C-alpha atoms as a PDB file:
ATOM      1  CA  UNK A   1       0.000   0.000   0.000  1.00  0.00           C
ATOM      2  CA  UNK A   2       1.201   3.517  -0.835  1.00  0.00           C
ATOM      3  CA  UNK A   3       0.117   6.647   1.061  1.00  0.00           C
ATOM      4  CA  UNK A   4       0.444  10.106  -0.518  1.00  0.00           C
ATOM      5  CA  UNK A   5      -1.142  13.527  -0.050  1.00  0.00           C
ATOM      6  CA  UNK A   6      -3.094  15.069  -2.890  1.00  0.00           C
ATOM      7  CA  UNK A   7      -4.937  18.303  -3.582  1.00  0.00           C
ATOM      8  CA  UNK A   8      -8.330  18.320  -5.324  1.00  0.00           C
ATOM      9  CA  UNK A   9      -9.225  21.989  -5.011  1.00  0.00           C
ATOM     10  CA  UNK A  10     -11.432  22.361  -8.105  1.00  0.00           C
ATOM     11  CA  UNK A  11     -14.300  20.534  -9.776  1.00  0.00           C
ATOM     12  CA  UNK A  12     -12.226  19.926 -12.908  1.00  0.00           C
ATOM     13  CA  UNK A  13      -9.418  18.410 -10.820  1.00  0.00           C
ATOM     14  CA  UNK A  14     -11.864  16.037  -9.119  1.00  0.00           C
ATOM     15  CA  UNK A  15     -13.295  14.900 -12.463  1.00  0.00           C
ATOM     16  CA  UNK A  16      -9.900  14.355 -14.075  1.00  0.00           C
ATOM     17  CA  UNK A  17      -8.605  12.575 -10.937  1.00  0.00           C
ATOM     18  CA  UNK A  18     -11.506  10.087 -10.917  1.00  0.00           C
ATOM     19  CA  UNK A  19     -11.134   9.492 -14.663  1.00  0.00           C
ATOM     20  CA  UNK A  20      -7.384   8.891 -14.220  1.00  0.00           C
ATOM     21  CA  UNK A  21      -7.661   6.325 -11.414  1.00  0.00           C
ATOM     22  CA  UNK A  22     -10.617   4.348 -12.795  1.00  0.00           C
ATOM     23  CA  UNK A  23      -8.263   2.801 -15.342  1.00  0.00           C
ATOM     24  CA  UNK A  24      -6.702   0.766 -12.512  1.00  0.00           C
ATOM     25  CA  UNK A  25      -8.365  -2.349 -11.052  1.00  0.00           C
ATOM     26  CA  UNK A  26      -7.185  -1.913  -7.470  1.00  0.00           C
ATOM     27  CA  UNK A  27      -8.703   0.203  -4.696  1.00  0.00           C
ATOM     28  CA  UNK A  28      -7.993   3.824  -3.834  1.00  0.00           C
ATOM     29  CA  UNK A  29      -9.211   5.360  -0.564  1.00  0.00           C
ATOM     30  CA  UNK A  30      -9.307   9.040   0.369  1.00  0.00           C
ATOM     31  CA  UNK A  31      -8.819   9.716   4.070  1.00  0.00           C
ATOM     32  CA  UNK A  32      -9.847  13.027   5.596  1.00  0.00           C
ATOM     33  CA  UNK A  33     -10.008  13.070   9.380  1.00  0.00           C
ATOM     34  CA  UNK A  34     -12.168  10.117  10.426  1.00  0.00           C
ATOM     35  CA  UNK A  35     -13.766   9.708   6.984  1.00  0.00           C
ATOM     36  CA  UNK A  36     -12.589   7.105   4.481  1.00  0.00           C
ATOM     37  CA  UNK A  37     -14.079   7.474   0.992  1.00  0.00           C
ATOM     38  CA  UNK A  38     -13.740   5.370  -2.157  1.00  0.00           C
ATOM     39  CA  UNK A  39     -11.593   7.617  -4.371  1.00  0.00           C
ATOM     40  CA  UNK A  40     -13.418   6.423  -7.496  1.00  0.00           C
ATOM     41  CA  UNK A  41     -16.676   7.942  -6.199  1.00  0.00           C
ATOM     42  CA  UNK A  42     -17.198  11.523  -7.367  1.00  0.00           C
ATOM     43  CA  UNK A  43     -20.096  11.997  -4.934  1.00  0.00           C
ATOM     44  CA  UNK A  44     -17.970  10.671  -2.083  1.00  0.00           C
ATOM     45  CA  UNK A  45     -15.138  13.059  -2.907  1.00  0.00           C
ATOM     46  CA  UNK A  46     -17.481  16.049  -2.869  1.00  0.00           C
ATOM     47  CA  UNK A  47     -18.531  15.108   0.677  1.00  0.00           C
ATOM     48  CA  UNK A  48     -14.985  15.907   1.865  1.00  0.00           C
ATOM     49  CA  UNK A  49     -13.412  19.265   2.711  1.00  0.00           C
ATOM     50  CA  UNK A  50     -11.485  19.868  -0.519  1.00  0.00           C
ATOM     51  CA  UNK A  51      -9.856  23.083   0.700  1.00  0.00           C
ATOM     52  CA  UNK A  52      -7.233  21.028   2.571  1.00  0.00           C
ATOM     53  CA  UNK A  53      -4.837  18.299   1.377  1.00  0.00           C
ATOM     54  CA  UNK A  54      -6.302  14.791   1.463  1.00  0.00           C
ATOM     55  CA  UNK A  55      -4.500  11.523   2.187  1.00  0.00           C
ATOM     56  CA  UNK A  56      -4.736   8.940  -0.595  1.00  0.00           C
ATOM     57  CA  UNK A  57      -4.192   5.255   0.204  1.00  0.00           C
ATOM     58  CA  UNK A  58      -3.374   3.189  -2.893  1.00  0.00           C
ATOM     59  CA  UNK A  59      -3.920  -0.549  -2.441  1.00  0.00           C
ATOM     60  CA  UNK A  60      -1.565  -1.726  -5.178  1.00  0.00           C
ATOM     61  CA  UNK A  61       1.205  -4.259  -5.291  1.00  0.00           C
ATOM     62  CA  UNK A  62       2.108  -3.884  -8.972  1.00  0.00           C
ATOM     63  CA  UNK A  63       2.267  -0.934 -11.404  1.00  0.00           C
ATOM     64  CA  UNK A  64       3.321   1.474  -8.633  1.00  0.00           C
ATOM     65  CA  UNK A  65       5.433   3.577 -11.008  1.00  0.00           C
ATOM     66  CA  UNK A  66       2.564   3.846 -13.488  1.00  0.00           C
ATOM     67  CA  UNK A  67       0.147   4.905 -10.743  1.00  0.00           C
ATOM     68  CA  UNK A  68       2.527   7.557  -9.415  1.00  0.00           C
ATOM     69  CA  UNK A  69       2.997   8.936 -12.945  1.00  0.00           C
ATOM     70  CA  UNK A  70      -0.789   9.295 -13.371  1.00  0.00           C
ATOM     71  CA  UNK A  71      -1.091  10.983  -9.960  1.00  0.00           C
ATOM     72  CA  UNK A  72       1.670  13.577 -10.514  1.00  0.00           C
ATOM     73  CA  UNK A  73      -0.708  16.494 -11.267  1.00  0.00           C
ATOM     74  CA  UNK A  74      -2.511  15.956  -7.933  1.00  0.00           C
ATOM     75  CA  UNK A  75       0.425  15.302  -5.589  1.00  0.00           C
ATOM     76  CA  UNK A  76       1.472  17.902  -3.053  1.00  0.00           C
END
């Protein structure tokens, strides 16, 4: 599992983020305080406070380099 911090401070960023990660078969979780949200859920993401950085847990064993390349625009 990989943990990184991301910023999703606009609607367009949220949409492009979800589109980018749905190409992968493994799970992504967004963690904000005590809330854990499926990162592939646009509605779930909008329930979070997007003004602050959000922790992203990536449940992947393979393709880690490919995932990190896709996530570059969102990393803090």
